[in-house]
Amino acid sequence: MNFINDQHTNTYPQAFLSDVLTGLSKPNRYIPPCWLYDTVGSKIFEKITDLPEYYVTRTEVKLLHEIALSFSQIIGPNASLVEYGAGAAIKARIFLNALIDPAEYVAIDISFDHLEQSLTELALDHPDLRVRPLAGDFISGVMATSLDSETQRVGFFPGSTIGNLSNDEISTFLRSSRDYLGDDAYFILGADLRKSSDILIPAYDDAQGVTADFNINLLKRINRELDGTIDSSQFSHKAVWNDELSRIEMHLESLEEQTFEVAGQSFTMSKGDTIHTENSRKFQRPELDKLIQENGWKMVRYETDKDAYFSVMLLKAHQ
């Protein structure tokens, strides 16, 4: 086992505090979705991926199994796989098993404790693989570790996480990742595709209320980590389809007028006010082509499942 811990301290509580105080102070309250994924939130999200309504993970995983070998043949041997938003590293395993003699796996996630737990077993299963967990907000693409210059560098951004980002954030991420990974790099990118709201809304507002627990856990996290006094029972989970912007929006809606504190700062919300916690954008092929081409990459392969619910792309760096 070659498990290398490059991360010694988690520097994110201050960033969490700043985002929460800033977001709650805005007229349209908004907290970035990365803060949904503490250790508790990450475990709840794993439950979401198994829900019958949540088509995203099972569709993508099936597609990854179908294409992993052909993508790996293009990529070639001795790869450093860099996964952005690794979580439980379930999808990385599909490619690590398919890649020809992979050299290194760099796993980046906002929840470091959850990440370490996930990677211990993976390192045991791949004794010749260098495994590096990193805690960080990967959207900037700026990483605190270097890659082996002798390996074939491959970025990996599965799931529908790219749909959480604005066009400006996607551009920043793709460009900075291109700079980090280098001139000859490949990138495996997943994106959820536009489809009927009859499919989308239940996927983000399931009958068992697991997604609601996931969203409301953000309030509980604020209480745990930022000395909050929020009564989470006075909020409800709300998922809506914004057709104009082609995205599912998740909100936490106040059930009554209430006042609470975060780190000693007071906030008041009226009944019906919301805290916007996540966007999950659904793409069409021309949008993806444009974003990829304009930000340092070219499309090598574009694959979808038979229903065209989800796409996985293989990109190559270009000047």
Protein backbone atom coordinates (compact mmCIF):
# COMPACT_ATOMS: atom_id res chain seq x y z
CA MET A 1 0.00 0.00 0.00
CA ASN A 2 1.31 3.44 -0.94
CA PHE A 3 -1.02 5.90 0.81
CA ILE A 4 0.44 9.42 0.91
CA ASN A 5 -1.22 12.08 3.04
CA ASP A 6 -0.26 15.50 1.67
CA GLN A 7 -2.90 17.27 3.74
CA HIS A 8 -2.05 18.02 7.36
CA THR A 9 -4.69 20.56 8.34
CA ASN A 10 -8.17 21.42 7.17
CA THR A 11 -8.26 25.16 6.51
CA TYR A 12 -11.91 25.40 5.52
CA PRO A 13 -13.89 26.38 8.65
CA GLN A 14 -12.96 30.04 8.05
CA ALA A 15 -14.02 29.82 4.40
CA PHE A 16 -17.25 28.12 5.49
CA LEU A 17 -17.93 30.92 7.96
CA SER A 18 -17.25 33.59 5.36
CA ASP A 19 -19.52 31.98 2.75
CA VAL A 20 -22.36 31.48 5.24
CA LEU A 21 -22.24 35.01 6.67
CA THR A 22 -21.96 36.55 3.20
CA GLY A 23 -24.66 34.33 1.73
CA LEU A 24 -27.17 34.92 4.51
CA SER A 25 -26.62 38.69 4.27
CA LYS A 26 -27.59 38.89 0.60
CA PRO A 27 -31.13 39.86 -0.51
CA ASN A 28 -31.28 36.51 -2.34
CA ARG A 29 -29.70 34.24 0.27
CA TYR A 30 -27.25 31.73 -1.17
CA ILE A 31 -24.73 29.29 0.33
CA PRO A 32 -22.39 27.48 -2.11
CA PRO A 33 -23.25 23.78 -2.57
CA CYS A 34 -19.77 22.56 -1.61
CA TRP A 35 -20.73 23.07 2.05
CA LEU A 36 -23.45 20.44 1.80
CA TYR A 37 -20.70 17.81 1.84
CA ASP A 38 -19.35 17.47 5.35
CA THR A 39 -18.89 13.91 6.66
CA VAL A 40 -22.60 13.64 7.54
CA GLY A 41 -23.74 15.20 4.28
CA SER A 42 -21.44 12.98 2.21
CA LYS A 43 -22.91 9.86 3.86
CA ILE A 44 -26.46 11.08 3.22
CA PHE A 45 -25.57 11.76 -0.40
CA GLU A 46 -24.37 8.17 -0.77
CA LYS A 47 -27.89 7.12 0.24
CA ILE A 48 -29.35 9.47 -2.37
CA THR A 49 -27.39 7.71 -5.10
CA ASP A 50 -29.25 4.47 -4.33
CA LEU A 51 -32.75 5.99 -4.44
CA PRO A 52 -35.08 4.79 -7.21
CA GLU A 53 -35.82 8.37 -8.30
CA TYR A 54 -32.16 9.36 -8.55
CA TYR A 55 -31.27 8.16 -12.04
CA VAL A 56 -27.96 10.09 -12.19
CA THR A 57 -25.51 7.75 -10.45
CA ARG A 58 -26.78 4.40 -11.74
CA THR A 59 -26.97 5.78 -15.31
CA GLU A 60 -23.47 7.18 -15.17
CA VAL A 61 -21.92 4.14 -13.48
CA LYS A 62 -23.40 1.82 -16.13
CA LEU A 63 -22.04 4.10 -18.85
CA LEU A 64 -18.61 4.28 -17.22
CA HIS A 65 -18.40 0.48 -17.15
CA GLU A 66 -19.27 0.41 -20.85
CA ILE A 67 -16.66 2.96 -21.94
CA ALA A 68 -13.83 2.59 -19.42
CA LEU A 69 -11.80 0.10 -21.44
CA SER A 70 -11.98 2.05 -24.71
CA PHE A 71 -11.12 5.33 -22.97
CA SER A 72 -8.22 3.61 -21.20
CA GLN A 73 -6.84 2.33 -24.51
CA ILE A 74 -6.70 5.90 -25.79
CA ILE A 75 -5.12 7.23 -22.58
CA GLY A 76 -2.46 4.55 -22.45
CA PRO A 77 -0.28 3.25 -19.58
CA ASN A 78 1.25 4.84 -16.49
CA ALA A 79 -1.51 7.37 -15.78
CA SER A 80 -1.91 9.78 -12.88
CA LEU A 81 -5.67 10.01 -12.33
CA VAL A 82 -6.72 13.25 -10.61
CA GLU A 83 -10.34 13.16 -9.41
CA TYR A 84 -12.10 16.40 -8.51
CA GLY A 85 -14.79 15.81 -5.87
CA ALA A 86 -13.78 12.22 -5.17
CA GLY A 87 -16.28 11.39 -2.40
CA ALA A 88 -16.21 7.63 -1.88
CA ALA A 89 -14.03 7.13 -5.00
CA ILE A 90 -16.52 4.58 -6.36
CA LYS A 91 -16.33 5.83 -9.94
CA ALA A 92 -12.55 6.18 -9.85
CA ARG A 93 -12.31 2.47 -9.14
CA ILE A 94 -13.96 1.75 -12.49
CA PHE A 95 -11.19 3.56 -14.34
CA LEU A 96 -8.37 2.46 -12.05
CA ASN A 97 -9.38 -1.13 -12.80
CA ALA A 98 -9.47 -0.42 -16.55
CA LEU A 99 -6.35 1.75 -16.90
CA ILE A 100 -3.12 0.10 -18.02
CA ASP A 101 -0.71 0.04 -15.04
CA PRO A 102 -1.94 3.28 -13.41
CA ALA A 103 0.76 5.03 -11.38
CA GLU A 104 -1.05 7.50 -9.14
CA TYR A 105 -4.49 8.51 -7.89
CA VAL A 106 -4.94 12.03 -6.50
CA ALA A 107 -8.35 12.35 -4.81
CA ILE A 108 -9.63 15.85 -4.03
CA ASP A 109 -12.69 16.51 -1.90
CA ILE A 110 -14.08 19.18 0.42
CA SER A 111 -14.69 16.61 3.19
CA PHE A 112 -11.25 15.30 4.13
CA ASP A 113 -12.28 12.90 6.91
CA HIS A 114 -14.75 11.16 4.62
CA LEU A 115 -12.13 11.07 1.87
CA GLU A 116 -9.50 9.38 4.05
CA GLN A 117 -11.96 6.66 5.08
CA SER A 118 -12.88 5.99 1.45
CA LEU A 119 -9.29 5.74 0.23
CA THR A 120 -7.91 3.35 2.83
CA GLU A 121 -9.61 0.33 1.25
CA LEU A 122 -8.78 1.50 -2.29
CA ALA A 123 -5.09 1.72 -1.40
CA LEU A 124 -5.17 -1.83 -0.05
CA ASP A 125 -6.79 -3.05 -3.29
CA HIS A 126 -4.13 -1.31 -5.41
CA PRO A 127 -0.81 -1.90 -3.57
CA ASP A 128 1.32 -0.51 -6.42
CA LEU A 129 -0.70 2.69 -6.76
CA ARG A 130 0.34 5.97 -5.13
CA VAL A 131 -2.81 7.29 -3.43
CA ARG A 132 -2.92 10.96 -2.41
CA PRO A 133 -5.95 12.47 -0.64
CA LEU A 134 -6.28 16.25 -0.72
CA ALA A 135 -8.86 18.44 1.01
CA GLY A 136 -9.83 21.49 -0.95
CA ASP A 137 -12.26 23.52 -2.97
CA PHE A 138 -11.21 22.20 -6.34
CA ILE A 139 -13.15 24.75 -8.43
CA SER A 140 -10.10 27.01 -8.52
CA GLY A 141 -8.13 24.09 -9.96
CA VAL A 142 -5.09 25.17 -7.95
CA MET A 143 -3.61 22.12 -6.25
CA ALA A 144 -1.11 21.92 -3.39
CA THR A 145 0.65 18.83 -4.70
CA SER A 146 2.69 18.11 -7.81
CA LEU A 147 2.20 15.21 -10.19
CA ASP A 148 4.86 12.81 -11.42
CA SER A 149 6.14 14.43 -14.62
CA GLU A 150 6.78 11.01 -16.14
CA THR A 151 3.14 9.92 -16.00
CA GLN A 152 0.22 10.46 -18.36
CA ARG A 153 -1.94 12.97 -16.51
CA VAL A 154 -5.72 12.47 -16.57
CA GLY A 155 -8.35 14.69 -14.94
CA PHE A 156 -11.56 13.03 -13.77
CA PHE A 157 -14.70 15.02 -12.94
CA PRO A 158 -17.64 12.60 -12.89
CA GLY A 159 -21.18 13.00 -11.61
CA SER A 160 -23.24 16.07 -12.36
CA THR A 161 -21.06 18.42 -10.28
CA ILE A 162 -20.21 20.57 -13.29
CA GLY A 163 -23.90 21.47 -13.28
CA ASN A 164 -23.44 23.17 -9.90
CA LEU A 165 -21.22 25.78 -11.53
CA SER A 166 -21.82 28.97 -13.48
CA ASN A 167 -20.25 29.40 -16.92
CA ASP A 168 -17.55 31.61 -15.38
CA GLU A 169 -16.79 28.95 -12.74
CA ILE A 170 -16.70 26.21 -15.39
CA SER A 171 -14.26 28.29 -17.44
CA THR A 172 -12.03 28.92 -14.41
CA PHE A 173 -12.08 25.24 -13.49
CA LEU A 174 -11.36 23.93 -17.00
CA ARG A 175 -8.57 26.43 -17.63
CA SER A 176 -6.83 26.00 -14.28
CA SER A 177 -7.14 22.21 -14.51
CA ARG A 178 -5.67 22.37 -18.00
CA ASP A 179 -2.71 24.37 -16.63
CA TYR A 180 -2.23 21.98 -13.69
CA LEU A 181 -2.49 18.77 -15.70
CA GLY A 182 -0.30 19.98 -18.57
CA ASP A 183 -0.02 20.00 -22.35
CA ASP A 184 -0.52 16.30 -23.02
CA ALA A 185 -3.28 15.69 -20.49
CA TYR A 186 -6.62 13.97 -20.96
CA PHE A 187 -9.78 14.76 -19.03
CA ILE A 188 -12.80 12.53 -18.36
CA LEU A 189 -15.84 14.74 -17.78
CA GLY A 190 -19.39 13.79 -16.81
CA ALA A 191 -22.43 16.00 -17.42
CA ASP A 192 -26.13 15.47 -16.86
CA LEU A 193 -28.34 16.21 -19.86
CA ARG A 194 -31.59 18.12 -20.22
CA LYS A 195 -34.74 16.01 -19.90
CA SER A 196 -38.35 16.17 -18.69
CA SER A 197 -39.02 17.90 -15.37
CA ASP A 198 -41.19 14.87 -14.52
CA ILE A 199 -37.93 12.92 -14.23
CA LEU A 200 -35.81 15.71 -12.76
CA ILE A 201 -37.92 16.97 -9.86
CA PRO A 202 -38.43 13.57 -8.16
CA ALA A 203 -34.68 12.96 -8.47
CA TYR A 204 -34.08 16.00 -6.25
CA ASP A 205 -37.15 15.67 -4.01
CA ASP A 206 -37.53 11.96 -3.33
CA ALA A 207 -40.49 10.32 -1.65
CA GLN A 208 -38.43 9.09 1.33
CA GLY A 209 -37.14 12.58 2.13
CA VAL A 210 -33.45 11.64 1.93
CA THR A 211 -32.61 14.65 -0.25
CA ALA A 212 -34.48 16.84 2.23
CA ASP A 213 -32.28 15.45 5.03
CA PHE A 214 -29.21 16.17 2.90
CA ASN A 215 -30.24 19.79 2.35
CA ILE A 216 -31.34 20.42 5.96
CA ASN A 217 -28.06 18.95 7.22
CA LEU A 218 -26.45 22.17 6.01
CA LEU A 219 -28.35 24.05 8.73
CA LYS A 220 -27.30 21.48 11.32
CA ARG A 221 -23.71 21.81 10.15
CA ILE A 222 -23.89 25.58 10.63
CA ASN A 223 -25.08 24.95 14.18
CA ARG A 224 -22.32 22.39 14.83
CA GLU A 225 -19.39 24.28 13.34
CA LEU A 226 -20.33 27.97 13.40
CA ASP A 227 -22.13 28.28 16.72
CA GLY A 228 -25.49 28.64 14.98
CA THR A 229 -28.87 28.75 16.70
CA ILE A 230 -30.99 27.72 13.68
CA ASP A 231 -34.13 25.66 14.35
CA SER A 232 -33.86 23.31 11.38
CA SER A 233 -37.41 22.01 12.00
CA GLN A 234 -38.64 25.43 10.86
CA PHE A 235 -37.27 24.91 7.35
CA SER A 236 -38.43 22.68 4.51
CA HIS A 237 -36.58 21.36 1.48
CA LYS A 238 -37.72 22.73 -1.86
CA ALA A 239 -36.65 21.63 -5.36
CA VAL A 240 -37.84 23.54 -8.43
CA TRP A 241 -37.13 23.32 -12.16
CA ASN A 242 -35.96 26.60 -13.73
CA ASP A 243 -36.69 26.00 -17.41
CA GLU A 244 -35.13 29.24 -18.63
CA LEU A 245 -31.78 28.45 -17.01
CA SER A 246 -32.15 24.67 -17.56
CA ARG A 247 -31.45 23.77 -13.96
CA ILE A 248 -32.90 22.22 -10.83
CA GLU A 249 -32.65 24.63 -7.89
CA MET A 250 -32.55 23.45 -4.29
CA HIS A 251 -33.71 25.80 -1.54
CA LEU A 252 -34.36 25.76 2.19
CA GLU A 253 -37.68 27.53 2.79
CA SER A 254 -38.52 29.23 6.09
CA LEU A 255 -41.84 27.93 7.48
CA GLU A 256 -42.38 30.96 9.71
CA GLU A 257 -40.82 34.31 10.58
CA GLN A 258 -37.72 33.58 12.61
CA THR A 259 -34.49 35.04 13.92
CA PHE A 260 -31.30 33.08 14.53
CA GLU A 261 -27.59 33.66 15.03
CA VAL A 262 -24.48 32.41 13.27
CA ALA A 263 -21.15 33.13 14.99
CA GLY A 264 -22.87 35.83 17.02
CA GLN A 265 -24.38 37.59 13.99
CA SER A 266 -28.19 37.84 13.88
CA PHE A 267 -30.35 37.05 10.83
CA THR A 268 -34.12 37.32 10.33
CA MET A 269 -36.17 35.45 7.74
CA SER A 270 -39.85 35.85 6.93
CA LYS A 271 -42.19 32.97 6.21
CA GLY A 272 -41.57 31.80 2.63
CA ASP A 273 -38.05 33.25 2.42
CA THR A 274 -35.48 30.79 1.12
CA ILE A 275 -31.79 30.00 1.27
CA HIS A 276 -30.64 28.85 -2.18
CA THR A 277 -28.25 25.93 -1.65
CA GLU A 278 -27.61 24.28 -5.02
CA ASN A 279 -28.10 24.51 -8.76
CA SER A 280 -27.96 21.37 -10.86
CA ARG A 281 -27.80 22.46 -14.47
CA LYS A 282 -28.77 20.11 -17.28
CA PHE A 283 -26.79 20.53 -20.48
CA GLN A 284 -27.25 20.12 -24.20
CA ARG A 285 -24.40 19.05 -26.50
CA PRO A 286 -23.78 22.46 -28.16
CA GLU A 287 -23.30 24.14 -24.75
CA LEU A 288 -20.74 21.52 -23.73
CA ASP A 289 -18.87 21.77 -27.04
CA LYS A 290 -18.58 25.53 -26.68
CA LEU A 291 -17.39 25.48 -23.04
CA ILE A 292 -14.82 22.79 -23.74
CA GLN A 293 -13.45 24.36 -26.92
CA GLU A 294 -13.13 27.83 -25.38
CA ASN A 295 -11.24 26.67 -22.28
CA GLY A 296 -8.21 24.74 -23.42
CA TRP A 297 -9.65 21.34 -24.35
CA LYS A 298 -10.93 19.48 -27.40
CA MET A 299 -13.51 16.70 -27.55
CA VAL A 300 -12.06 13.26 -28.30
CA ARG A 301 -15.09 11.13 -27.42
CA TYR A 302 -18.69 11.96 -26.48
CA GLU A 303 -20.74 9.06 -25.10
CA THR A 304 -24.27 8.83 -23.69
CA ASP A 305 -26.51 6.11 -22.32
CA LYS A 306 -29.25 4.75 -24.59
CA ASP A 307 -31.81 7.26 -23.26
CA ALA A 308 -29.40 10.22 -23.56
CA TYR A 309 -29.89 11.04 -19.87
CA PHE A 310 -26.17 11.44 -19.14
CA SER A 311 -22.95 12.07 -21.04
CA VAL A 312 -19.32 11.15 -20.38
CA MET A 313 -16.67 12.86 -22.49
CA LEU A 314 -12.99 12.27 -23.08
CA LEU A 315 -11.12 15.54 -23.65
CA LYS A 316 -7.55 16.28 -24.74
CA ALA A 317 -5.59 19.40 -23.86
CA HIS A 318 -4.91 21.84 -26.67
CA GLN A 319 -3.26 25.24 -26.99
